[in-house]
Amino acid sequence: HAMTLARLLMLSFVVFSIGLFGVLARRHVIAVMLSIELMFNSINLAILSVAWAHGWLSGVLLVLFGIAVTVAEVAVGLSLFLLAERVRRTTGVDDLSMLKG
């Protein structure tokens, strides 16, 4: 079977849906962060698929920039997670809602 743009975009949609379900259903901070990463990767797949189908090199550059932003998000998110776990002794999303302003 040939990989067409429609199939790649459908795969991207399925992966994004799995990530969205993980964000909405999970209560552990690490599981939510992994689900957000899954959503970011599905967006990168969609951008790369459209760029590949149209022969654009700029899509590859956009995906590389998106990966750099994702790495920064992981670094900040994990540091906040470690700080919250150290201060509050909890890893649940509901327990961390008291950290708001």
N, C-alpha and C. Protein backbone atom coordinates (compact mmCIF):
# COMPACT_ATOMS: atom_id res chain seq x y z
N HIS A 1 0.83 -1.19 0.00
CA HIS A 1 0.00 0.00 0.00
C HIS A 1 0.88 1.25 0.00
N ALA A 2 0.52 2.17 -0.84
CA ALA A 2 1.27 3.41 -0.94
C ALA A 2 0.82 4.38 0.16
N MET A 3 1.80 5.10 0.70
CA MET A 3 1.47 6.10 1.71
C MET A 3 1.02 7.36 0.98
N THR A 4 -0.23 7.69 1.13
CA THR A 4 -0.77 8.89 0.52
C THR A 4 -0.92 9.97 1.59
N LEU A 5 -1.17 11.17 1.14
CA LEU A 5 -1.36 12.28 2.07
C LEU A 5 -2.56 12.03 2.97
N ALA A 6 -3.61 11.49 2.41
CA ALA A 6 -4.81 11.23 3.21
C ALA A 6 -4.54 10.22 4.32
N ARG A 7 -3.78 9.18 4.02
CA ARG A 7 -3.46 8.17 5.04
C ARG A 7 -2.57 8.74 6.13
N LEU A 8 -1.60 9.55 5.74
CA LEU A 8 -0.73 10.16 6.73
C LEU A 8 -1.49 11.14 7.63
N LEU A 9 -2.39 11.90 7.04
CA LEU A 9 -3.18 12.83 7.84
C LEU A 9 -4.16 12.08 8.75
N MET A 10 -4.68 10.95 8.29
CA MET A 10 -5.55 10.14 9.14
C MET A 10 -4.75 9.56 10.31
N LEU A 11 -3.54 9.09 10.04
CA LEU A 11 -2.67 8.60 11.11
C LEU A 11 -2.37 9.71 12.11
N SER A 12 -2.10 10.89 11.62
CA SER A 12 -1.84 12.03 12.49
C SER A 12 -3.06 12.35 13.35
N PHE A 13 -4.25 12.28 12.77
CA PHE A 13 -5.47 12.53 13.51
C PHE A 13 -5.69 11.47 14.60
N VAL A 14 -5.42 10.23 14.28
CA VAL A 14 -5.59 9.15 15.26
C VAL A 14 -4.61 9.32 16.43
N VAL A 15 -3.36 9.63 16.11
CA VAL A 15 -2.37 9.82 17.16
C VAL A 15 -2.71 11.03 18.02
N PHE A 16 -3.19 12.11 17.38
CA PHE A 16 -3.61 13.29 18.14
C PHE A 16 -4.79 12.96 19.05
N SER A 17 -5.73 12.17 18.56
CA SER A 17 -6.89 11.78 19.36
C SER A 17 -6.48 10.95 20.57
N ILE A 18 -5.52 10.06 20.38
CA ILE A 18 -5.02 9.27 21.51
C ILE A 18 -4.37 10.18 22.55
N GLY A 19 -3.59 11.14 22.09
CA GLY A 19 -2.97 12.10 23.00
C GLY A 19 -4.00 12.95 23.73
N LEU A 20 -5.03 13.39 23.03
CA LEU A 20 -6.08 14.18 23.66
C LEU A 20 -6.83 13.37 24.71
N PHE A 21 -7.11 12.12 24.40
CA PHE A 21 -7.74 11.25 25.38
C PHE A 21 -6.86 11.10 26.62
N GLY A 22 -5.56 10.96 26.41
CA GLY A 22 -4.63 10.84 27.54
C GLY A 22 -4.62 12.08 28.40
N VAL A 23 -4.68 13.25 27.79
CA VAL A 23 -4.71 14.50 28.57
C VAL A 23 -5.99 14.59 29.38
N LEU A 24 -7.10 14.22 28.78
CA LEU A 24 -8.39 14.36 29.47
C LEU A 24 -8.64 13.26 30.49
N ALA A 25 -8.08 12.08 30.30
CA ALA A 25 -8.40 10.95 31.16
C ALA A 25 -7.40 10.71 32.28
N ARG A 26 -6.17 11.14 32.13
CA ARG A 26 -5.13 10.83 33.11
C ARG A 26 -5.04 11.91 34.17
N ARG A 27 -4.63 11.52 35.35
CA ARG A 27 -4.48 12.46 36.46
C ARG A 27 -3.04 12.55 36.94
N HIS A 28 -2.15 11.76 36.41
CA HIS A 28 -0.74 11.81 36.80
C HIS A 28 -0.02 12.80 35.89
N VAL A 29 0.84 13.63 36.46
CA VAL A 29 1.48 14.70 35.71
C VAL A 29 2.33 14.16 34.55
N ILE A 30 3.08 13.11 34.80
CA ILE A 30 3.94 12.55 33.76
C ILE A 30 3.11 11.99 32.61
N ALA A 31 1.99 11.33 32.92
CA ALA A 31 1.13 10.78 31.87
C ALA A 31 0.52 11.90 31.03
N VAL A 32 0.14 13.00 31.67
CA VAL A 32 -0.40 14.15 30.93
C VAL A 32 0.67 14.75 30.03
N MET A 33 1.90 14.87 30.55
CA MET A 33 2.97 15.43 29.74
C MET A 33 3.30 14.53 28.54
N LEU A 34 3.30 13.22 28.75
CA LEU A 34 3.53 12.30 27.64
C LEU A 34 2.43 12.40 26.59
N SER A 35 1.19 12.59 27.04
CA SER A 35 0.08 12.75 26.10
C SER A 35 0.21 14.05 25.30
N ILE A 36 0.66 15.11 25.96
CA ILE A 36 0.88 16.37 25.24
C ILE A 36 1.99 16.20 24.21
N GLU A 37 3.03 15.46 24.56
CA GLU A 37 4.11 15.20 23.60
C GLU A 37 3.59 14.40 22.40
N LEU A 38 2.70 13.47 22.66
CA LEU A 38 2.10 12.70 21.57
C LEU A 38 1.30 13.61 20.64
N MET A 39 0.60 14.57 21.21
CA MET A 39 -0.15 15.52 20.40
C MET A 39 0.79 16.39 19.57
N PHE A 40 1.89 16.86 20.17
CA PHE A 40 2.87 17.65 19.42
C PHE A 40 3.46 16.85 18.27
N ASN A 41 3.77 15.59 18.53
CA ASN A 41 4.35 14.76 17.48
C ASN A 41 3.37 14.50 16.35
N SER A 42 2.09 14.38 16.67
CA SER A 42 1.11 14.19 15.60
C SER A 42 0.97 15.44 14.74
N ILE A 43 1.09 16.60 15.36
CA ILE A 43 1.05 17.85 14.59
C ILE A 43 2.28 17.93 13.69
N ASN A 44 3.44 17.55 14.22
CA ASN A 44 4.65 17.52 13.39
C ASN A 44 4.49 16.56 12.21
N LEU A 45 3.86 15.42 12.45
CA LEU A 45 3.61 14.46 11.37
C LEU A 45 2.70 15.06 10.30
N ALA A 46 1.67 15.77 10.72
CA ALA A 46 0.75 16.38 9.76
C ALA A 46 1.46 17.45 8.93
N ILE A 47 2.26 18.29 9.59
CA ILE A 47 2.99 19.33 8.87
C ILE A 47 3.97 18.71 7.89
N LEU A 48 4.69 17.69 8.34
CA LEU A 48 5.67 17.04 7.48
C LEU A 48 4.99 16.31 6.32
N SER A 49 3.82 15.75 6.55
CA SER A 49 3.09 15.05 5.49
C SER A 49 2.66 16.01 4.39
N VAL A 50 2.13 17.16 4.79
CA VAL A 50 1.70 18.15 3.80
C VAL A 50 2.91 18.69 3.05
N ALA A 51 4.00 18.94 3.78
CA ALA A 51 5.21 19.44 3.12
C ALA A 51 5.77 18.41 2.14
N TRP A 52 5.75 17.14 2.52
CA TRP A 52 6.23 16.07 1.65
C TRP A 52 5.38 15.96 0.39
N ALA A 53 4.07 16.08 0.57
CA ALA A 53 3.16 15.93 -0.57
C ALA A 53 3.32 17.07 -1.58
N HIS A 54 3.68 18.26 -1.08
CA HIS A 54 3.80 19.41 -1.98
C HIS A 54 5.24 19.74 -2.33
N GLY A 55 6.19 18.98 -1.78
CA GLY A 55 7.59 19.21 -2.11
C GLY A 55 8.19 20.44 -1.49
N TRP A 56 7.67 20.86 -0.34
CA TRP A 56 8.18 22.06 0.33
C TRP A 56 9.29 21.69 1.29
N LEU A 57 10.38 22.40 1.23
CA LEU A 57 11.45 22.21 2.20
C LEU A 57 11.18 22.98 3.48
N SER A 58 10.38 24.02 3.40
CA SER A 58 10.08 24.84 4.58
C SER A 58 9.31 24.04 5.64
N GLY A 59 8.58 23.02 5.23
CA GLY A 59 7.87 22.19 6.19
C GLY A 59 8.83 21.43 7.09
N VAL A 60 9.94 21.00 6.54
CA VAL A 60 10.94 20.30 7.34
C VAL A 60 11.55 21.26 8.35
N LEU A 61 11.81 22.47 7.93
CA LEU A 61 12.36 23.46 8.86
C LEU A 61 11.36 23.80 9.96
N LEU A 62 10.10 23.88 9.61
CA LEU A 62 9.07 24.15 10.61
C LEU A 62 8.97 23.01 11.62
N VAL A 63 9.07 21.79 11.16
CA VAL A 63 9.04 20.64 12.06
C VAL A 63 10.26 20.63 12.97
N LEU A 64 11.43 20.95 12.44
CA LEU A 64 12.62 21.02 13.28
C LEU A 64 12.48 22.09 14.35
N PHE A 65 11.89 23.23 14.01
CA PHE A 65 11.63 24.27 14.99
C PHE A 65 10.62 23.77 16.03
N GLY A 66 9.61 23.05 15.59
CA GLY A 66 8.63 22.49 16.51
C GLY A 66 9.24 21.48 17.47
N ILE A 67 10.19 20.69 16.99
CA ILE A 67 10.88 19.74 17.87
C ILE A 67 11.70 20.49 18.91
N ALA A 68 12.34 21.59 18.52
CA ALA A 68 13.10 22.40 19.47
C ALA A 68 12.19 22.98 20.55
N VAL A 69 11.02 23.45 20.16
CA VAL A 69 10.06 23.97 21.13
C VAL A 69 9.58 22.86 22.06
N THR A 70 9.38 21.67 21.52
CA THR A 70 8.94 20.53 22.33
C THR A 70 10.00 20.16 23.36
N VAL A 71 11.26 20.19 22.96
CA VAL A 71 12.34 19.88 23.91
C VAL A 71 12.36 20.91 25.04
N ALA A 72 12.18 22.18 24.71
CA ALA A 72 12.13 23.21 25.74
C ALA A 72 10.93 23.00 26.66
N GLU A 73 9.80 22.61 26.10
CA GLU A 73 8.60 22.36 26.91
C GLU A 73 8.83 21.20 27.86
N VAL A 74 9.50 20.17 27.41
CA VAL A 74 9.79 19.02 28.27
C VAL A 74 10.71 19.43 29.40
N ALA A 75 11.72 20.22 29.11
CA ALA A 75 12.66 20.65 30.14
C ALA A 75 11.97 21.48 31.21
N VAL A 76 11.14 22.43 30.80
CA VAL A 76 10.42 23.27 31.76
C VAL A 76 9.38 22.44 32.51
N GLY A 77 8.66 21.60 31.81
CA GLY A 77 7.62 20.78 32.45
C GLY A 77 8.19 19.82 33.47
N LEU A 78 9.28 19.15 33.14
CA LEU A 78 9.88 18.22 34.09
C LEU A 78 10.47 18.93 35.29
N SER A 79 11.05 20.10 35.08
CA SER A 79 11.58 20.84 36.23
C SER A 79 10.45 21.31 37.15
N LEU A 80 9.34 21.75 36.58
CA LEU A 80 8.18 22.13 37.40
C LEU A 80 7.60 20.92 38.12
N PHE A 81 7.57 19.78 37.43
CA PHE A 81 7.08 18.56 38.06
C PHE A 81 7.96 18.17 39.26
N LEU A 82 9.27 18.20 39.08
CA LEU A 82 10.17 17.84 40.17
C LEU A 82 10.04 18.81 41.35
N LEU A 83 9.90 20.10 41.05
CA LEU A 83 9.73 21.08 42.11
C LEU A 83 8.41 20.87 42.86
N ALA A 84 7.33 20.64 42.12
CA ALA A 84 6.03 20.41 42.75
C ALA A 84 6.03 19.12 43.57
N GLU A 85 6.71 18.10 43.07
CA GLU A 85 6.78 16.84 43.81
C GLU A 85 7.59 17.01 45.09
N ARG A 86 8.64 17.80 45.02
CA ARG A 86 9.47 18.02 46.20
C ARG A 86 8.74 18.87 47.25
N VAL A 87 8.01 19.90 46.80
CA VAL A 87 7.34 20.80 47.73
C VAL A 87 6.04 20.21 48.25
N ARG A 88 5.20 19.67 47.36
CA ARG A 88 3.86 19.19 47.74
C ARG A 88 3.79 17.69 48.02
N ARG A 89 4.83 16.94 47.64
CA ARG A 89 4.85 15.47 47.83
C ARG A 89 3.68 14.79 47.11
N THR A 90 3.34 15.28 45.94
CA THR A 90 2.25 14.68 45.17
C THR A 90 2.57 14.79 43.69
N THR A 91 2.00 13.88 42.90
CA THR A 91 2.18 13.92 41.45
C THR A 91 0.85 13.95 40.71
N GLY A 92 -0.24 14.16 41.40
CA GLY A 92 -1.55 14.23 40.76
C GLY A 92 -1.86 15.61 40.25
N VAL A 93 -2.52 15.68 39.11
CA VAL A 93 -2.87 16.97 38.52
C VAL A 93 -3.86 17.71 39.41
N ASP A 94 -4.82 17.01 39.98
CA ASP A 94 -5.82 17.65 40.83
C ASP A 94 -5.20 18.24 42.08
N ASP A 95 -4.19 17.58 42.62
CA ASP A 95 -3.54 18.07 43.83
C ASP A 95 -2.69 19.31 43.56
N LEU A 96 -2.25 19.49 42.35
CA LEU A 96 -1.42 20.62 42.01
C LEU A 96 -2.22 21.85 41.60
N SER A 97 -3.53 21.76 41.57
CA SER A 97 -4.33 22.91 41.18
C SER A 97 -4.26 24.03 42.21
N MET A 98 -3.83 23.71 43.43
CA MET A 98 -3.71 24.74 44.46
C MET A 98 -2.49 25.62 44.25
N LEU A 99 -1.65 25.33 43.29
CA LEU A 99 -0.47 26.13 43.02
C LEU A 99 -0.80 27.38 42.19
N LYS A 100 -2.04 27.52 41.78
CA LYS A 100 -2.43 28.69 41.00
C LYS A 100 -2.32 29.95 41.85
N GLY A 101 -1.90 31.05 41.18
CA GLY A 101 -1.76 32.39 41.72
C GLY A 101 -2.19 32.56 43.08
